[in-house]
Amino acid sequence: MHSLRQLPRRLSPWWVALILAGCSSQHATYVPDGRRGFVVTCSGLLSSWSSCLVKAGRACGNHGYETINGDEEDRTILIACQPPRIDSASGHTSP
């Protein structure tokens, strides 16, 4: 029983770290024009708008993205992934 009472004290630094670090999430969706997109949310005291932009960039890879709607105060952004570029000379898509 003695060790169970100390458990909350041992875990409390971890909870504080998690709360301060915040969390970010992304979920796939489609934007009004039908393109694939993502809603990226970054919350927490240490999360910033730039961390949301980095996460948005990673979601679409090297194709890039277009910001459809973003709220810097709420740190939420709706993005649409750019389609792969087609090389006009070879007809192949670029990575």
N, C-alpha and C. Protein backbone atom coordinates (compact mmCIF):
# COMPACT_ATOMS: atom_id res chain seq x y z
N MET A 1 0.81 -1.19 0.00
CA MET A 1 0.00 0.00 0.00
C MET A 1 0.86 1.26 0.00
N HIS A 2 1.97 1.20 0.69
CA HIS A 2 2.83 2.37 0.78
C HIS A 2 3.30 2.82 -0.60
N SER A 3 3.67 1.90 -1.46
CA SER A 3 4.15 2.26 -2.79
C SER A 3 3.02 2.82 -3.66
N LEU A 4 1.78 2.42 -3.43
CA LEU A 4 0.67 2.96 -4.21
C LEU A 4 0.43 4.43 -3.89
N ARG A 5 0.68 4.85 -2.67
CA ARG A 5 0.51 6.26 -2.30
C ARG A 5 1.56 7.13 -2.97
N GLN A 6 2.72 6.59 -3.22
CA GLN A 6 3.79 7.37 -3.84
C GLN A 6 3.67 7.41 -5.36
N LEU A 7 2.85 6.56 -5.91
CA LEU A 7 2.71 6.51 -7.37
C LEU A 7 2.31 7.86 -7.97
N PRO A 8 1.30 8.56 -7.43
CA PRO A 8 0.96 9.85 -8.03
C PRO A 8 2.11 10.86 -7.98
N ARG A 9 2.92 10.83 -6.93
CA ARG A 9 4.06 11.74 -6.84
C ARG A 9 5.11 11.40 -7.90
N ARG A 10 5.27 10.14 -8.17
CA ARG A 10 6.24 9.73 -9.18
C ARG A 10 5.76 10.07 -10.59
N LEU A 11 4.48 9.99 -10.81
CA LEU A 11 3.94 10.26 -12.14
C LEU A 11 3.72 11.74 -12.41
N SER A 12 3.60 12.54 -11.38
CA SER A 12 3.25 13.95 -11.58
C SER A 12 4.22 14.71 -12.48
N PRO A 13 5.54 14.51 -12.40
CA PRO A 13 6.41 15.22 -13.35
C PRO A 13 6.12 14.85 -14.80
N TRP A 14 5.75 13.60 -15.02
CA TRP A 14 5.42 13.18 -16.39
C TRP A 14 4.16 13.87 -16.89
N TRP A 15 3.16 13.98 -16.02
CA TRP A 15 1.92 14.65 -16.42
C TRP A 15 2.17 16.11 -16.73
N VAL A 16 2.98 16.76 -15.91
CA VAL A 16 3.30 18.16 -16.15
C VAL A 16 4.01 18.31 -17.49
N ALA A 17 4.95 17.44 -17.78
CA ALA A 17 5.67 17.50 -19.05
C ALA A 17 4.74 17.30 -20.23
N LEU A 18 3.82 16.36 -20.12
CA LEU A 18 2.87 16.13 -21.21
C LEU A 18 1.95 17.31 -21.44
N ILE A 19 1.50 17.92 -20.37
CA ILE A 19 0.60 19.07 -20.50
C ILE A 19 1.33 20.25 -21.13
N LEU A 20 2.56 20.50 -20.68
CA LEU A 20 3.32 21.62 -21.23
C LEU A 20 3.69 21.40 -22.68
N ALA A 21 4.05 20.17 -23.02
CA ALA A 21 4.45 19.87 -24.39
C ALA A 21 3.26 19.94 -25.33
N GLY A 22 2.10 19.62 -24.82
CA GLY A 22 0.91 19.64 -25.65
C GLY A 22 0.86 18.45 -26.57
N CYS A 23 -0.07 18.48 -27.43
CA CYS A 23 -0.17 17.39 -28.38
C CYS A 23 -0.55 17.97 -29.72
N SER A 24 -0.26 17.22 -30.72
CA SER A 24 -0.69 17.61 -32.05
C SER A 24 -1.36 16.42 -32.69
N SER A 25 -2.29 16.71 -33.54
CA SER A 25 -2.97 15.63 -34.22
C SER A 25 -3.26 16.06 -35.65
N GLN A 26 -3.48 15.08 -36.45
CA GLN A 26 -3.90 15.33 -37.82
C GLN A 26 -4.86 14.24 -38.22
N HIS A 27 -5.86 14.61 -38.96
CA HIS A 27 -6.72 13.58 -39.51
C HIS A 27 -7.05 13.93 -40.95
N ALA A 28 -7.13 12.88 -41.74
CA ALA A 28 -7.37 13.03 -43.17
C ALA A 28 -8.80 13.47 -43.42
N THR A 29 -8.96 14.26 -44.45
CA THR A 29 -10.28 14.74 -44.86
C THR A 29 -10.21 15.11 -46.33
N TYR A 30 -11.27 15.64 -46.85
CA TYR A 30 -11.28 16.18 -48.21
C TYR A 30 -11.73 17.62 -48.12
N VAL A 31 -11.12 18.47 -48.93
CA VAL A 31 -11.49 19.88 -48.95
C VAL A 31 -12.63 20.06 -49.94
N PRO A 32 -13.30 21.22 -49.91
CA PRO A 32 -14.50 21.40 -50.75
C PRO A 32 -14.33 21.09 -52.23
N ASP A 33 -13.13 21.29 -52.81
CA ASP A 33 -12.97 21.00 -54.23
C ASP A 33 -12.63 19.54 -54.52
N GLY A 34 -12.61 18.69 -53.48
CA GLY A 34 -12.42 17.27 -53.67
C GLY A 34 -11.01 16.75 -53.46
N ARG A 35 -10.06 17.66 -53.29
CA ARG A 35 -8.68 17.21 -53.06
C ARG A 35 -8.54 16.60 -51.67
N ARG A 36 -7.53 15.72 -51.57
CA ARG A 36 -7.22 15.15 -50.27
C ARG A 36 -6.61 16.24 -49.40
N GLY A 37 -6.96 16.21 -48.13
CA GLY A 37 -6.43 17.21 -47.22
C GLY A 37 -6.32 16.67 -45.81
N PHE A 38 -5.89 17.54 -44.93
CA PHE A 38 -5.73 17.19 -43.52
C PHE A 38 -6.14 18.36 -42.66
N VAL A 39 -6.67 18.03 -41.49
CA VAL A 39 -6.87 19.02 -40.44
C VAL A 39 -5.76 18.76 -39.44
N VAL A 40 -4.93 19.77 -39.21
CA VAL A 40 -3.80 19.65 -38.29
C VAL A 40 -4.09 20.55 -37.10
N THR A 41 -4.01 19.98 -35.90
CA THR A 41 -4.25 20.73 -34.67
C THR A 41 -3.04 20.60 -33.77
N CYS A 42 -2.56 21.71 -33.27
CA CYS A 42 -1.43 21.72 -32.34
C CYS A 42 -1.85 22.50 -31.11
N SER A 43 -1.91 21.82 -29.98
CA SER A 43 -2.32 22.49 -28.76
C SER A 43 -1.27 22.29 -27.68
N GLY A 44 -1.38 23.01 -26.62
CA GLY A 44 -0.42 22.92 -25.52
C GLY A 44 0.36 24.20 -25.39
N LEU A 45 0.91 24.41 -24.23
CA LEU A 45 1.61 25.65 -23.96
C LEU A 45 2.88 25.82 -24.78
N LEU A 46 3.54 24.74 -25.10
CA LEU A 46 4.80 24.84 -25.83
C LEU A 46 4.64 24.66 -27.34
N SER A 47 3.44 24.37 -27.80
CA SER A 47 3.21 24.24 -29.23
C SER A 47 3.05 25.63 -29.83
N SER A 48 3.50 25.79 -31.04
CA SER A 48 3.42 27.09 -31.69
C SER A 48 2.77 26.92 -33.07
N TRP A 49 2.46 28.05 -33.67
CA TRP A 49 1.89 28.04 -35.02
C TRP A 49 2.89 27.42 -35.99
N SER A 50 4.16 27.71 -35.82
CA SER A 50 5.15 27.15 -36.73
C SER A 50 5.24 25.63 -36.60
N SER A 51 4.99 25.09 -35.41
CA SER A 51 4.99 23.63 -35.28
C SER A 51 3.82 23.02 -36.05
N CYS A 52 2.70 23.73 -36.13
CA CYS A 52 1.57 23.26 -36.94
C CYS A 52 1.94 23.28 -38.42
N LEU A 53 2.63 24.32 -38.85
CA LEU A 53 3.02 24.41 -40.25
C LEU A 53 4.00 23.31 -40.63
N VAL A 54 4.91 22.98 -39.73
CA VAL A 54 5.85 21.88 -39.98
C VAL A 54 5.08 20.57 -40.10
N LYS A 55 4.13 20.33 -39.20
CA LYS A 55 3.33 19.11 -39.23
C LYS A 55 2.52 19.04 -40.53
N ALA A 56 1.99 20.17 -40.98
CA ALA A 56 1.24 20.21 -42.24
C ALA A 56 2.15 19.84 -43.40
N GLY A 57 3.37 20.36 -43.40
CA GLY A 57 4.32 20.03 -44.46
C GLY A 57 4.64 18.55 -44.50
N ARG A 58 4.77 17.94 -43.35
CA ARG A 58 5.08 16.51 -43.28
C ARG A 58 3.89 15.67 -43.75
N ALA A 59 2.68 16.14 -43.52
CA ALA A 59 1.49 15.38 -43.88
C ALA A 59 1.41 15.18 -45.40
N CYS A 60 1.82 16.18 -46.15
CA CYS A 60 1.71 16.09 -47.61
C CYS A 60 3.00 15.71 -48.30
N GLY A 61 4.06 15.57 -47.56
CA GLY A 61 5.31 15.17 -48.16
C GLY A 61 5.89 16.25 -49.06
N ASN A 62 6.65 15.82 -50.05
CA ASN A 62 7.35 16.79 -50.89
C ASN A 62 6.48 17.39 -51.99
N HIS A 63 5.20 17.07 -52.01
CA HIS A 63 4.30 17.68 -52.99
C HIS A 63 3.88 19.08 -52.57
N GLY A 64 3.96 19.36 -51.29
CA GLY A 64 3.55 20.66 -50.78
C GLY A 64 2.06 20.69 -50.48
N TYR A 65 1.62 21.80 -49.96
CA TYR A 65 0.21 21.94 -49.60
C TYR A 65 -0.26 23.37 -49.78
N GLU A 66 -1.56 23.52 -49.83
CA GLU A 66 -2.20 24.83 -49.88
C GLU A 66 -3.02 24.98 -48.60
N THR A 67 -2.89 26.13 -47.96
CA THR A 67 -3.69 26.38 -46.76
C THR A 67 -5.10 26.79 -47.19
N ILE A 68 -6.08 26.03 -46.76
CA ILE A 68 -7.48 26.34 -47.07
C ILE A 68 -8.05 27.25 -45.99
N ASN A 69 -7.75 26.90 -44.75
CA ASN A 69 -8.25 27.70 -43.63
C ASN A 69 -7.30 27.48 -42.46
N GLY A 70 -6.97 28.53 -41.75
CA GLY A 70 -6.09 28.38 -40.61
C GLY A 70 -6.44 29.38 -39.53
N ASP A 71 -6.31 28.96 -38.30
CA ASP A 71 -6.58 29.83 -37.16
C ASP A 71 -5.37 29.78 -36.24
N GLU A 72 -4.56 30.83 -36.31
CA GLU A 72 -3.32 30.85 -35.53
C GLU A 72 -3.60 30.85 -34.03
N GLU A 73 -4.68 31.48 -33.62
CA GLU A 73 -5.01 31.52 -32.19
C GLU A 73 -5.36 30.14 -31.65
N ASP A 74 -6.18 29.38 -32.41
CA ASP A 74 -6.56 28.02 -32.00
C ASP A 74 -5.53 26.98 -32.44
N ARG A 75 -4.57 27.40 -33.25
CA ARG A 75 -3.54 26.51 -33.80
C ARG A 75 -4.14 25.31 -34.51
N THR A 76 -5.07 25.61 -35.40
CA THR A 76 -5.71 24.59 -36.24
C THR A 76 -5.61 25.05 -37.69
N ILE A 77 -5.27 24.12 -38.56
CA ILE A 77 -5.10 24.47 -39.97
C ILE A 77 -5.70 23.36 -40.84
N LEU A 78 -6.42 23.77 -41.87
CA LEU A 78 -6.97 22.86 -42.88
C LEU A 78 -6.13 23.05 -44.13
N ILE A 79 -5.54 21.96 -44.59
CA ILE A 79 -4.67 22.04 -45.76
C ILE A 79 -5.15 21.07 -46.84
N ALA A 80 -4.80 21.39 -48.07
CA ALA A 80 -5.03 20.50 -49.21
C ALA A 80 -3.68 20.15 -49.79
N CYS A 81 -3.41 18.88 -49.95
CA CYS A 81 -2.15 18.44 -50.54
C CYS A 81 -2.14 18.75 -52.03
N GLN A 82 -1.00 19.23 -52.50
CA GLN A 82 -0.84 19.50 -53.92
C GLN A 82 -0.72 18.16 -54.66
N PRO A 83 -1.29 18.07 -55.84
CA PRO A 83 -1.14 16.82 -56.61
C PRO A 83 0.30 16.66 -57.09
N PRO A 84 0.72 15.44 -57.35
CA PRO A 84 2.07 15.22 -57.89
C PRO A 84 2.22 15.95 -59.23
N ARG A 85 3.38 16.50 -59.46
CA ARG A 85 3.65 17.19 -60.72
C ARG A 85 3.95 16.17 -61.81
N ILE A 86 3.47 16.45 -63.01
CA ILE A 86 3.72 15.57 -64.16
C ILE A 86 4.76 16.24 -65.05
N ASP A 87 5.82 15.52 -65.31
CA ASP A 87 6.88 16.01 -66.18
C ASP A 87 6.35 15.98 -67.61
N SER A 88 6.26 17.15 -68.24
CA SER A 88 5.66 17.21 -69.58
C SER A 88 6.51 16.49 -70.63
N ALA A 89 7.81 16.40 -70.43
CA ALA A 89 8.66 15.74 -71.41
C ALA A 89 8.51 14.23 -71.38
N SER A 90 8.46 13.67 -70.15
CA SER A 90 8.42 12.21 -70.07
C SER A 90 7.03 11.66 -69.77
N GLY A 91 6.15 12.51 -69.24
CA GLY A 91 4.81 12.05 -68.87
C GLY A 91 4.75 11.34 -67.53
N HIS A 92 5.89 11.31 -66.83
CA HIS A 92 5.94 10.65 -65.52
C HIS A 92 5.67 11.66 -64.41
N THR A 93 5.14 11.15 -63.32
CA THR A 93 4.93 12.00 -62.15
C THR A 93 6.22 12.10 -61.37
N SER A 94 6.45 13.27 -60.80
CA SER A 94 7.64 13.44 -59.97
C SER A 94 7.29 13.09 -58.54
N PRO A 95 8.27 12.60 -57.79
CA PRO A 95 8.01 12.18 -56.40
C PRO A 95 7.68 13.34 -55.49
